[in-house]
Amino acid sequence: MWIIVGIAIAVGVAVGVVTLWLSAKTAPVAGSAAPDFTLSSQEGKQVSLKDYRGKWVVLYFYPKDFTSGCTREAHNFQRDQEEYARRNAVILGVSVDSAESHQKFCAKEGLNFKLLADTSHEVSKQYGSLMNFGIAQISARHTFLIDPQGKIARSYMSVNPSRHSSQMLAAIEGLEKQASVRL
């Protein structure tokens, strides 16, 4: 009996490790081209990363609509929309929730930037931001700052939702200063 239990546990652990390994993908690194994608927004429209060439893009992945950390992070991005516009930057939020869930979340929380539905999990995986949460997969709280030429300028694999918007604005400002010094 104990041998069967031991074998079952060993098989379960092996399946879990293989699943994690297969779902994990390395995140794109600074200086590399940002992987392009097209996803549906909360408005039901198709949005492609290439549509934002010439702008800074804060591409942030988050676990779930209507959760406390995700709501706080979204509110801060919303609060700072004027500053992003002044810096020629846009916010694109991505989770594995549906476009309908995003629509309800935006309506309830007063959000007017794009939230994108990665229901196939492919974009989250492409950006190394898909994680297993029990038997479900969700987007990890990661952010990629993409420069106006479409390259990854910075990646953030550990994010504090309360300070993240301010951190992104400071990063854009710092990178713009660096670029102007080089000219």
N, C-alpha and C. Protein backbone atom coordinates (compact mmCIF):
# COMPACT_ATOMS: atom_id res chain seq x y z
N MET A 1 0.82 -1.20 0.00
CA MET A 1 0.00 0.00 0.00
C MET A 1 0.86 1.27 0.00
N TRP A 2 1.87 1.30 0.89
CA TRP A 2 2.73 2.49 0.98
C TRP A 2 3.57 2.67 -0.28
N ILE A 3 3.90 1.59 -0.92
CA ILE A 3 4.67 1.67 -2.18
C ILE A 3 3.83 2.36 -3.25
N ILE A 4 2.55 2.01 -3.32
CA ILE A 4 1.65 2.62 -4.31
C ILE A 4 1.48 4.11 -4.01
N VAL A 5 1.32 4.47 -2.75
CA VAL A 5 1.20 5.89 -2.36
C VAL A 5 2.48 6.63 -2.73
N GLY A 6 3.64 6.01 -2.45
CA GLY A 6 4.93 6.63 -2.78
C GLY A 6 5.09 6.85 -4.28
N ILE A 7 4.70 5.85 -5.05
CA ILE A 7 4.77 5.97 -6.51
C ILE A 7 3.83 7.07 -7.00
N ALA A 8 2.62 7.12 -6.45
CA ALA A 8 1.65 8.15 -6.85
C ALA A 8 2.18 9.54 -6.54
N ILE A 9 2.81 9.71 -5.38
CA ILE A 9 3.38 11.01 -5.02
C ILE A 9 4.52 11.37 -5.97
N ALA A 10 5.38 10.40 -6.25
CA ALA A 10 6.51 10.64 -7.15
C ALA A 10 6.03 11.03 -8.54
N VAL A 11 5.01 10.35 -9.04
CA VAL A 11 4.45 10.67 -10.35
C VAL A 11 3.84 12.07 -10.33
N GLY A 12 3.11 12.40 -9.26
CA GLY A 12 2.51 13.74 -9.14
C GLY A 12 3.54 14.84 -9.14
N VAL A 13 4.62 14.64 -8.40
CA VAL A 13 5.70 15.63 -8.37
C VAL A 13 6.33 15.76 -9.75
N ALA A 14 6.60 14.63 -10.40
CA ALA A 14 7.22 14.66 -11.73
C ALA A 14 6.32 15.39 -12.74
N VAL A 15 5.02 15.12 -12.70
CA VAL A 15 4.09 15.80 -13.61
C VAL A 15 4.09 17.30 -13.33
N GLY A 16 4.10 17.67 -12.06
CA GLY A 16 4.13 19.09 -11.70
C GLY A 16 5.38 19.80 -12.19
N VAL A 17 6.53 19.15 -12.03
CA VAL A 17 7.79 19.74 -12.48
C VAL A 17 7.81 19.87 -14.00
N VAL A 18 7.37 18.84 -14.71
CA VAL A 18 7.34 18.88 -16.18
C VAL A 18 6.37 19.96 -16.66
N THR A 19 5.20 20.06 -16.02
CA THR A 19 4.23 21.09 -16.41
C THR A 19 4.81 22.48 -16.21
N LEU A 20 5.45 22.70 -15.06
CA LEU A 20 6.07 23.99 -14.79
C LEU A 20 7.15 24.29 -15.82
N TRP A 21 7.98 23.30 -16.14
CA TRP A 21 9.05 23.48 -17.10
C TRP A 21 8.49 23.79 -18.49
N LEU A 22 7.44 23.08 -18.89
CA LEU A 22 6.87 23.31 -20.22
C LEU A 22 6.16 24.66 -20.32
N SER A 23 5.58 25.16 -19.21
CA SER A 23 4.85 26.42 -19.27
C SER A 23 5.79 27.61 -19.11
N ALA A 24 6.98 27.36 -18.58
CA ALA A 24 7.93 28.45 -18.36
C ALA A 24 8.63 28.80 -19.66
N LYS A 25 8.82 30.06 -19.87
CA LYS A 25 9.58 30.54 -21.02
C LYS A 25 10.37 31.73 -20.51
N THR A 26 11.53 31.90 -21.03
CA THR A 26 12.36 32.99 -20.59
C THR A 26 11.79 34.31 -21.08
N ALA A 27 11.83 35.30 -20.20
CA ALA A 27 11.36 36.63 -20.55
C ALA A 27 12.33 37.28 -21.54
N PRO A 28 11.81 38.12 -22.44
CA PRO A 28 12.71 38.84 -23.34
C PRO A 28 13.60 39.80 -22.53
N VAL A 29 14.82 39.97 -22.97
CA VAL A 29 15.79 40.79 -22.23
C VAL A 29 15.91 42.19 -22.81
N ALA A 30 16.40 43.09 -22.00
CA ALA A 30 16.62 44.48 -22.42
C ALA A 30 17.49 44.51 -23.68
N GLY A 31 17.08 45.32 -24.63
CA GLY A 31 17.79 45.45 -25.89
C GLY A 31 17.24 44.58 -27.00
N SER A 32 16.45 43.56 -26.64
CA SER A 32 15.87 42.69 -27.67
C SER A 32 14.54 43.27 -28.16
N ALA A 33 14.15 42.86 -29.35
CA ALA A 33 12.86 43.30 -29.89
C ALA A 33 11.73 42.74 -29.03
N ALA A 34 10.76 43.57 -28.72
CA ALA A 34 9.60 43.11 -27.96
C ALA A 34 8.78 42.20 -28.86
N PRO A 35 8.46 41.00 -28.39
CA PRO A 35 7.62 40.10 -29.21
C PRO A 35 6.28 40.75 -29.53
N ASP A 36 5.92 40.78 -30.80
CA ASP A 36 4.66 41.38 -31.21
C ASP A 36 3.51 40.44 -30.90
N PHE A 37 2.34 41.00 -30.79
CA PHE A 37 1.14 40.22 -30.50
C PHE A 37 -0.08 41.03 -30.90
N THR A 38 -1.20 40.36 -31.00
CA THR A 38 -2.51 40.98 -31.19
C THR A 38 -3.48 40.29 -30.25
N LEU A 39 -4.15 41.09 -29.41
CA LEU A 39 -5.11 40.58 -28.44
C LEU A 39 -6.36 41.46 -28.45
N SER A 40 -7.45 40.93 -27.93
CA SER A 40 -8.70 41.71 -27.80
C SER A 40 -8.65 42.58 -26.55
N SER A 41 -9.14 43.81 -26.70
CA SER A 41 -9.22 44.73 -25.56
C SER A 41 -10.58 44.59 -24.89
N GLN A 42 -10.75 45.33 -23.80
CA GLN A 42 -12.04 45.35 -23.09
C GLN A 42 -13.15 45.90 -23.98
N GLU A 43 -12.80 46.60 -25.05
CA GLU A 43 -13.79 47.15 -25.98
C GLU A 43 -14.13 46.15 -27.09
N GLY A 44 -13.48 44.98 -27.05
CA GLY A 44 -13.71 43.97 -28.09
C GLY A 44 -12.95 44.25 -29.37
N LYS A 45 -12.02 45.19 -29.35
CA LYS A 45 -11.22 45.53 -30.53
C LYS A 45 -9.87 44.85 -30.46
N GLN A 46 -9.33 44.55 -31.63
CA GLN A 46 -8.01 43.94 -31.71
C GLN A 46 -6.95 45.02 -31.51
N VAL A 47 -5.99 44.73 -30.65
CA VAL A 47 -4.90 45.66 -30.34
C VAL A 47 -3.59 44.92 -30.59
N SER A 48 -2.72 45.54 -31.38
CA SER A 48 -1.40 44.96 -31.66
C SER A 48 -0.32 45.85 -31.08
N LEU A 49 0.73 45.24 -30.58
CA LEU A 49 1.84 46.01 -30.03
C LEU A 49 2.41 46.95 -31.09
N LYS A 50 2.49 46.48 -32.32
CA LYS A 50 3.08 47.30 -33.39
C LYS A 50 2.31 48.60 -33.62
N ASP A 51 1.04 48.66 -33.19
CA ASP A 51 0.25 49.89 -33.32
C ASP A 51 0.82 51.03 -32.50
N TYR A 52 1.68 50.73 -31.55
CA TYR A 52 2.21 51.74 -30.63
C TYR A 52 3.67 52.08 -30.90
N ARG A 53 4.17 51.68 -32.07
CA ARG A 53 5.53 52.04 -32.44
C ARG A 53 5.63 53.57 -32.45
N GLY A 54 6.71 54.11 -31.91
CA GLY A 54 6.87 55.56 -31.79
C GLY A 54 6.46 56.08 -30.42
N LYS A 55 5.94 55.20 -29.57
CA LYS A 55 5.55 55.56 -28.20
C LYS A 55 6.25 54.63 -27.22
N TRP A 56 6.40 55.10 -26.01
CA TRP A 56 6.79 54.22 -24.91
C TRP A 56 5.58 53.36 -24.59
N VAL A 57 5.80 52.09 -24.30
CA VAL A 57 4.72 51.20 -23.90
C VAL A 57 5.08 50.56 -22.56
N VAL A 58 4.19 50.74 -21.60
CA VAL A 58 4.30 50.01 -20.34
C VAL A 58 3.38 48.80 -20.50
N LEU A 59 4.00 47.66 -20.75
CA LEU A 59 3.26 46.41 -20.94
C LEU A 59 3.30 45.67 -19.62
N TYR A 60 2.18 45.72 -18.91
CA TYR A 60 2.19 45.08 -17.60
C TYR A 60 1.25 43.89 -17.56
N PHE A 61 1.77 42.80 -17.02
CA PHE A 61 1.02 41.57 -16.84
C PHE A 61 0.55 41.53 -15.39
N TYR A 62 -0.67 41.09 -15.19
CA TYR A 62 -1.21 41.04 -13.83
C TYR A 62 -2.07 39.79 -13.68
N PRO A 63 -2.20 39.29 -12.44
CA PRO A 63 -2.88 38.01 -12.24
C PRO A 63 -4.38 37.98 -12.52
N LYS A 64 -5.16 38.94 -11.99
CA LYS A 64 -6.61 38.75 -12.06
C LYS A 64 -7.35 40.07 -11.85
N ASP A 65 -8.38 40.29 -12.67
CA ASP A 65 -9.28 41.43 -12.48
C ASP A 65 -9.95 41.32 -11.11
N PHE A 66 -10.24 42.47 -10.53
CA PHE A 66 -11.02 42.58 -9.28
C PHE A 66 -10.28 42.12 -8.03
N THR A 67 -8.99 41.83 -8.10
CA THR A 67 -8.26 41.47 -6.88
C THR A 67 -7.59 42.73 -6.34
N SER A 68 -7.27 42.72 -5.06
CA SER A 68 -6.81 43.96 -4.41
C SER A 68 -5.53 44.54 -5.01
N GLY A 69 -4.50 43.72 -5.19
CA GLY A 69 -3.24 44.23 -5.74
C GLY A 69 -3.40 44.71 -7.18
N CYS A 70 -4.15 43.96 -7.97
CA CYS A 70 -4.36 44.33 -9.37
C CYS A 70 -5.19 45.60 -9.48
N THR A 71 -6.16 45.76 -8.60
CA THR A 71 -6.99 46.96 -8.60
C THR A 71 -6.15 48.17 -8.20
N ARG A 72 -5.32 48.03 -7.17
CA ARG A 72 -4.46 49.13 -6.72
C ARG A 72 -3.50 49.55 -7.84
N GLU A 73 -2.89 48.57 -8.49
CA GLU A 73 -1.96 48.86 -9.57
C GLU A 73 -2.67 49.59 -10.72
N ALA A 74 -3.84 49.10 -11.10
CA ALA A 74 -4.61 49.73 -12.19
C ALA A 74 -5.03 51.15 -11.82
N HIS A 75 -5.47 51.37 -10.59
CA HIS A 75 -5.86 52.72 -10.16
C HIS A 75 -4.69 53.68 -10.26
N ASN A 76 -3.50 53.23 -9.89
CA ASN A 76 -2.33 54.11 -9.97
C ASN A 76 -1.97 54.43 -11.42
N PHE A 77 -2.08 53.45 -12.30
CA PHE A 77 -1.84 53.74 -13.72
C PHE A 77 -2.89 54.72 -14.23
N GLN A 78 -4.14 54.55 -13.81
CA GLN A 78 -5.20 55.46 -14.22
C GLN A 78 -4.93 56.88 -13.71
N ARG A 79 -4.57 56.97 -12.44
CA ARG A 79 -4.27 58.27 -11.82
C ARG A 79 -3.19 59.03 -12.59
N ASP A 80 -2.23 58.32 -13.15
CA ASP A 80 -1.07 58.93 -13.81
C ASP A 80 -1.21 59.05 -15.33
N GLN A 81 -2.41 58.83 -15.87
CA GLN A 81 -2.60 58.85 -17.33
C GLN A 81 -2.09 60.14 -17.97
N GLU A 82 -2.33 61.28 -17.34
CA GLU A 82 -1.87 62.56 -17.90
C GLU A 82 -0.35 62.59 -18.04
N GLU A 83 0.34 62.08 -17.02
CA GLU A 83 1.81 62.05 -17.06
C GLU A 83 2.31 61.12 -18.17
N TYR A 84 1.66 60.00 -18.34
CA TYR A 84 2.05 59.09 -19.42
C TYR A 84 1.84 59.76 -20.77
N ALA A 85 0.71 60.42 -20.95
CA ALA A 85 0.43 61.11 -22.21
C ALA A 85 1.49 62.18 -22.48
N ARG A 86 1.89 62.89 -21.44
CA ARG A 86 2.91 63.94 -21.58
C ARG A 86 4.25 63.34 -22.01
N ARG A 87 4.49 62.11 -21.65
CA ARG A 87 5.76 61.44 -21.99
C ARG A 87 5.62 60.55 -23.24
N ASN A 88 4.52 60.70 -23.97
CA ASN A 88 4.29 59.91 -25.18
C ASN A 88 4.33 58.41 -24.86
N ALA A 89 3.61 58.04 -23.80
CA ALA A 89 3.60 56.65 -23.34
C ALA A 89 2.17 56.15 -23.18
N VAL A 90 2.00 54.85 -23.36
CA VAL A 90 0.70 54.21 -23.15
C VAL A 90 0.86 53.04 -22.19
N ILE A 91 -0.24 52.71 -21.56
CA ILE A 91 -0.30 51.56 -20.66
C ILE A 91 -1.11 50.48 -21.35
N LEU A 92 -0.58 49.27 -21.37
CA LEU A 92 -1.31 48.09 -21.85
C LEU A 92 -1.23 47.04 -20.76
N GLY A 93 -2.38 46.69 -20.19
CA GLY A 93 -2.44 45.64 -19.17
C GLY A 93 -2.84 44.34 -19.81
N VAL A 94 -2.22 43.24 -19.37
CA VAL A 94 -2.52 41.92 -19.92
C VAL A 94 -2.75 40.93 -18.79
N SER A 95 -3.83 40.18 -18.89
CA SER A 95 -4.05 39.03 -18.02
C SER A 95 -4.76 37.95 -18.83
N VAL A 96 -4.92 36.79 -18.24
CA VAL A 96 -5.58 35.70 -18.96
C VAL A 96 -7.11 35.79 -18.81
N ASP A 97 -7.61 36.82 -18.13
CA ASP A 97 -9.05 37.03 -18.03
C ASP A 97 -9.63 37.38 -19.40
N SER A 98 -10.92 37.21 -19.55
CA SER A 98 -11.60 37.48 -20.82
C SER A 98 -11.79 38.98 -21.05
N ALA A 99 -12.06 39.35 -22.29
CA ALA A 99 -12.35 40.75 -22.62
C ALA A 99 -13.59 41.22 -21.86
N GLU A 100 -14.56 40.33 -21.68
CA GLU A 100 -15.77 40.69 -20.92
C GLU A 100 -15.43 40.99 -19.46
N SER A 101 -14.56 40.21 -18.85
CA SER A 101 -14.13 40.47 -17.48
C SER A 101 -13.41 41.82 -17.41
N HIS A 102 -12.54 42.08 -18.40
CA HIS A 102 -11.83 43.36 -18.45
C HIS A 102 -12.81 44.53 -18.59
N GLN A 103 -13.84 44.35 -19.40
CA GLN A 103 -14.83 45.41 -19.59
C GLN A 103 -15.52 45.73 -18.26
N LYS A 104 -15.92 44.71 -17.53
CA LYS A 104 -16.58 44.91 -16.23
C LYS A 104 -15.62 45.56 -15.23
N PHE A 105 -14.37 45.12 -15.24
CA PHE A 105 -13.35 45.67 -14.34
C PHE A 105 -13.13 47.16 -14.64
N CYS A 106 -12.99 47.50 -15.92
CA CYS A 106 -12.79 48.91 -16.31
C CYS A 106 -14.00 49.76 -15.93
N ALA A 107 -15.19 49.24 -16.16
CA ALA A 107 -16.41 50.00 -15.83
C ALA A 107 -16.51 50.22 -14.33
N LYS A 108 -16.28 49.20 -13.55
CA LYS A 108 -16.39 49.31 -12.09
C LYS A 108 -15.31 50.23 -11.51
N GLU A 109 -14.11 50.16 -12.04
CA GLU A 109 -12.97 50.88 -11.46
C GLU A 109 -12.64 52.20 -12.18
N GLY A 110 -13.39 52.54 -13.24
CA GLY A 110 -13.16 53.80 -13.94
C GLY A 110 -11.83 53.84 -14.70
N LEU A 111 -11.48 52.74 -15.33
CA LEU A 111 -10.21 52.65 -16.08
C LEU A 111 -10.45 52.97 -17.55
N ASN A 112 -9.57 53.78 -18.14
CA ASN A 112 -9.75 54.09 -19.56
C ASN A 112 -8.55 53.73 -20.43
N PHE A 113 -7.60 52.99 -19.88
CA PHE A 113 -6.51 52.49 -20.71
C PHE A 113 -6.84 51.05 -21.11
N LYS A 114 -6.08 50.50 -22.02
CA LYS A 114 -6.40 49.19 -22.59
C LYS A 114 -5.99 48.04 -21.67
N LEU A 115 -6.95 47.14 -21.46
CA LEU A 115 -6.67 45.86 -20.82
C LEU A 115 -6.90 44.79 -21.88
N LEU A 116 -5.94 43.90 -22.03
CA LEU A 116 -5.95 42.93 -23.12
C LEU A 116 -6.15 41.52 -22.59
N ALA A 117 -6.98 40.77 -23.30
CA ALA A 117 -7.36 39.42 -22.89
C ALA A 117 -6.46 38.39 -23.56
N ASP A 118 -5.62 37.76 -22.77
CA ASP A 118 -4.73 36.71 -23.25
C ASP A 118 -5.32 35.35 -22.87
N THR A 119 -6.51 35.07 -23.38
CA THR A 119 -7.22 33.84 -22.99
C THR A 119 -6.52 32.57 -23.47
N SER A 120 -5.69 32.67 -24.49
CA SER A 120 -4.94 31.50 -24.96
C SER A 120 -3.65 31.30 -24.16
N HIS A 121 -3.28 32.29 -23.35
CA HIS A 121 -2.08 32.27 -22.51
C HIS A 121 -0.79 32.42 -23.31
N GLU A 122 -0.89 32.59 -24.61
CA GLU A 122 0.30 32.60 -25.47
C GLU A 122 1.19 33.83 -25.25
N VAL A 123 0.59 35.01 -25.09
CA VAL A 123 1.40 36.22 -24.93
C VAL A 123 2.08 36.21 -23.56
N SER A 124 1.34 35.81 -22.54
CA SER A 124 1.95 35.70 -21.20
C SER A 124 3.13 34.73 -21.25
N LYS A 125 2.97 33.63 -21.95
CA LYS A 125 4.04 32.65 -22.08
C LYS A 125 5.21 33.24 -22.87
N GLN A 126 4.91 33.94 -23.96
CA GLN A 126 5.93 34.55 -24.81
C GLN A 126 6.81 35.53 -24.02
N TYR A 127 6.20 36.20 -23.04
CA TYR A 127 6.92 37.17 -22.22
C TYR A 127 7.42 36.57 -20.90
N GLY A 128 7.40 35.24 -20.79
CA GLY A 128 7.89 34.59 -19.58
C GLY A 128 7.07 34.94 -18.36
N SER A 129 5.80 35.26 -18.56
CA SER A 129 4.94 35.76 -17.48
C SER A 129 3.74 34.86 -17.20
N LEU A 130 3.83 33.60 -17.54
CA LEU A 130 2.75 32.67 -17.26
C LEU A 130 3.18 31.80 -16.09
N MET A 131 2.34 31.73 -15.07
CA MET A 131 2.69 30.89 -13.93
C MET A 131 1.53 30.00 -13.55
N ASN A 132 1.89 28.87 -12.96
CA ASN A 132 0.88 27.93 -12.49
C ASN A 132 0.43 28.34 -11.10
N PHE A 133 -0.87 28.39 -10.92
CA PHE A 133 -1.48 28.74 -9.64
C PHE A 133 -2.44 27.61 -9.32
N GLY A 134 -1.92 26.59 -8.65
CA GLY A 134 -2.72 25.39 -8.46
C GLY A 134 -2.91 24.71 -9.81
N ILE A 135 -4.15 24.43 -10.15
CA ILE A 135 -4.41 23.80 -11.45
C ILE A 135 -4.65 24.83 -12.55
N ALA A 136 -4.75 26.10 -12.17
CA ALA A 136 -4.98 27.17 -13.15
C ALA A 136 -3.67 27.86 -13.49
N GLN A 137 -3.65 28.50 -14.64
CA GLN A 137 -2.51 29.32 -15.02
C GLN A 137 -2.96 30.77 -15.04
N ILE A 138 -2.11 31.65 -14.52
CA ILE A 138 -2.40 33.08 -14.51
C ILE A 138 -1.16 33.84 -14.97
N SER A 139 -1.35 35.09 -15.30
CA SER A 139 -0.22 35.94 -15.64
C SER A 139 0.47 36.37 -14.36
N ALA A 140 1.78 36.33 -14.36
CA ALA A 140 2.57 36.80 -13.22
C ALA A 140 2.61 38.33 -13.26
N ARG A 141 2.87 38.94 -12.14
CA ARG A 141 2.95 40.40 -12.07
C ARG A 141 4.34 40.83 -12.56
N HIS A 142 4.46 40.96 -13.86
CA HIS A 142 5.70 41.40 -14.52
C HIS A 142 5.38 42.60 -15.41
N THR A 143 6.39 43.43 -15.64
CA THR A 143 6.20 44.57 -16.53
C THR A 143 7.39 44.70 -17.46
N PHE A 144 7.10 45.09 -18.69
CA PHE A 144 8.14 45.34 -19.69
C PHE A 144 7.96 46.76 -20.20
N LEU A 145 9.00 47.56 -20.08
CA LEU A 145 8.99 48.91 -20.61
C LEU A 145 9.59 48.82 -22.00
N ILE A 146 8.78 49.16 -23.00
CA ILE A 146 9.18 49.03 -24.40
C ILE A 146 9.42 50.43 -24.96
N ASP A 147 10.56 50.61 -25.59
CA ASP A 147 10.91 51.94 -26.10
C ASP A 147 10.18 52.24 -27.41
N PRO A 148 10.24 53.49 -27.87
CA PRO A 148 9.51 53.86 -29.09
C PRO A 148 9.94 53.10 -30.35
N GLN A 149 11.12 52.47 -30.32
CA GLN A 149 11.58 51.68 -31.47
C GLN A 149 11.10 50.23 -31.38
N GLY A 150 10.40 49.87 -30.31
CA GLY A 150 9.87 48.52 -30.18
C GLY A 150 10.80 47.54 -29.50
N LYS A 151 11.80 48.05 -28.77
CA LYS A 151 12.73 47.18 -28.05
C LYS A 151 12.44 47.21 -26.56
N ILE A 152 12.75 46.12 -25.90
CA ILE A 152 12.61 46.05 -24.45
C ILE A 152 13.67 46.98 -23.85
N ALA A 153 13.23 48.01 -23.15
CA ALA A 153 14.16 48.92 -22.49
C ALA A 153 14.50 48.41 -21.10
N ARG A 154 13.49 47.92 -20.40
CA ARG A 154 13.67 47.38 -19.06
C ARG A 154 12.61 46.32 -18.80
N SER A 155 12.93 45.38 -17.92
CA SER A 155 11.93 44.41 -17.48
C SER A 155 11.91 44.42 -15.96
N TYR A 156 10.73 44.19 -15.43
CA TYR A 156 10.51 44.21 -13.98
C TYR A 156 9.81 42.91 -13.60
N MET A 157 10.56 42.03 -12.94
CA MET A 157 10.03 40.72 -12.59
C MET A 157 9.58 40.66 -11.14
N SER A 158 9.75 41.74 -10.42
CA SER A 158 9.28 41.86 -9.05
C SER A 158 8.64 43.25 -8.95
N VAL A 159 7.34 43.28 -8.76
CA VAL A 159 6.60 44.54 -8.85
C VAL A 159 5.81 44.78 -7.57
N ASN A 160 5.90 46.01 -7.07
CA ASN A 160 5.06 46.44 -5.95
C ASN A 160 3.92 47.25 -6.56
N PRO A 161 2.68 46.74 -6.52
CA PRO A 161 1.55 47.42 -7.18
C PRO A 161 1.32 48.85 -6.69
N SER A 162 1.68 49.14 -5.45
CA SER A 162 1.44 50.47 -4.89
C SER A 162 2.37 51.53 -5.48
N ARG A 163 3.58 51.13 -5.84
CA ARG A 163 4.58 52.10 -6.31
C ARG A 163 4.93 51.95 -7.79
N HIS A 164 4.32 51.01 -8.45
CA HIS A 164 4.78 50.64 -9.79
C HIS A 164 4.59 51.73 -10.84
N SER A 165 3.47 52.42 -10.83
CA SER A 165 3.24 53.46 -11.82
C SER A 165 4.30 54.56 -11.70
N SER A 166 4.56 54.99 -10.48
CA SER A 166 5.60 56.02 -10.26
C SER A 166 6.96 55.52 -10.72
N GLN A 167 7.24 54.25 -10.47
CA GLN A 167 8.49 53.64 -10.90
C GLN A 167 8.62 53.67 -12.43
N MET A 168 7.54 53.40 -13.14
CA MET A 168 7.57 53.40 -14.61
C MET A 168 7.78 54.81 -15.15
N LEU A 169 7.10 55.79 -14.56
CA LEU A 169 7.29 57.18 -15.00
C LEU A 169 8.74 57.62 -14.79
N ALA A 170 9.31 57.26 -13.66
CA ALA A 170 10.71 57.62 -13.38
C ALA A 170 11.65 56.92 -14.37
N ALA A 171 11.35 55.68 -14.71
CA ALA A 171 12.19 54.95 -15.66
C ALA A 171 12.14 55.59 -17.04
N ILE A 172 10.96 55.97 -17.48
CA ILE A 172 10.84 56.63 -18.79
C ILE A 172 11.62 57.94 -18.78
N GLU A 173 11.45 58.72 -17.73
CA GLU A 173 12.17 60.00 -17.62
C GLU A 173 13.68 59.78 -17.64
N GLY A 174 14.16 58.79 -16.89
CA GLY A 174 15.59 58.50 -16.86
C GLY A 174 16.12 58.05 -18.21
N LEU A 175 15.39 57.19 -18.88
CA LEU A 175 15.83 56.72 -20.20
C LEU A 175 15.81 57.84 -21.23
N GLU A 176 14.83 58.73 -21.14
CA GLU A 176 14.80 59.87 -22.07
C GLU A 176 15.98 60.81 -21.83
N LYS A 177 16.33 61.01 -20.57
CA LYS A 177 17.51 61.86 -20.24
C LYS A 177 18.78 61.23 -20.78
N GLN A 178 18.92 59.91 -20.60
CA GLN A 178 20.09 59.21 -21.14
C GLN A 178 20.18 59.38 -22.64
N ALA A 179 19.05 59.26 -23.32
CA ALA A 179 19.03 59.38 -24.79
C ALA A 179 19.40 60.79 -25.21
N SER A 180 18.94 61.80 -24.50
CA SER A 180 19.23 63.19 -24.90
C SER A 180 20.69 63.53 -24.64
N VAL A 181 21.32 62.91 -23.64
CA VAL A 181 22.74 63.14 -23.36
C VAL A 181 23.58 62.56 -24.48
N ARG A 182 23.16 61.42 -25.02
CA ARG A 182 23.90 60.76 -26.11
C ARG A 182 23.83 61.58 -27.40
N LEU A 183 22.79 62.37 -27.57
CA LEU A 183 22.64 63.13 -28.82
C LEU A 183 23.50 64.31 -28.83
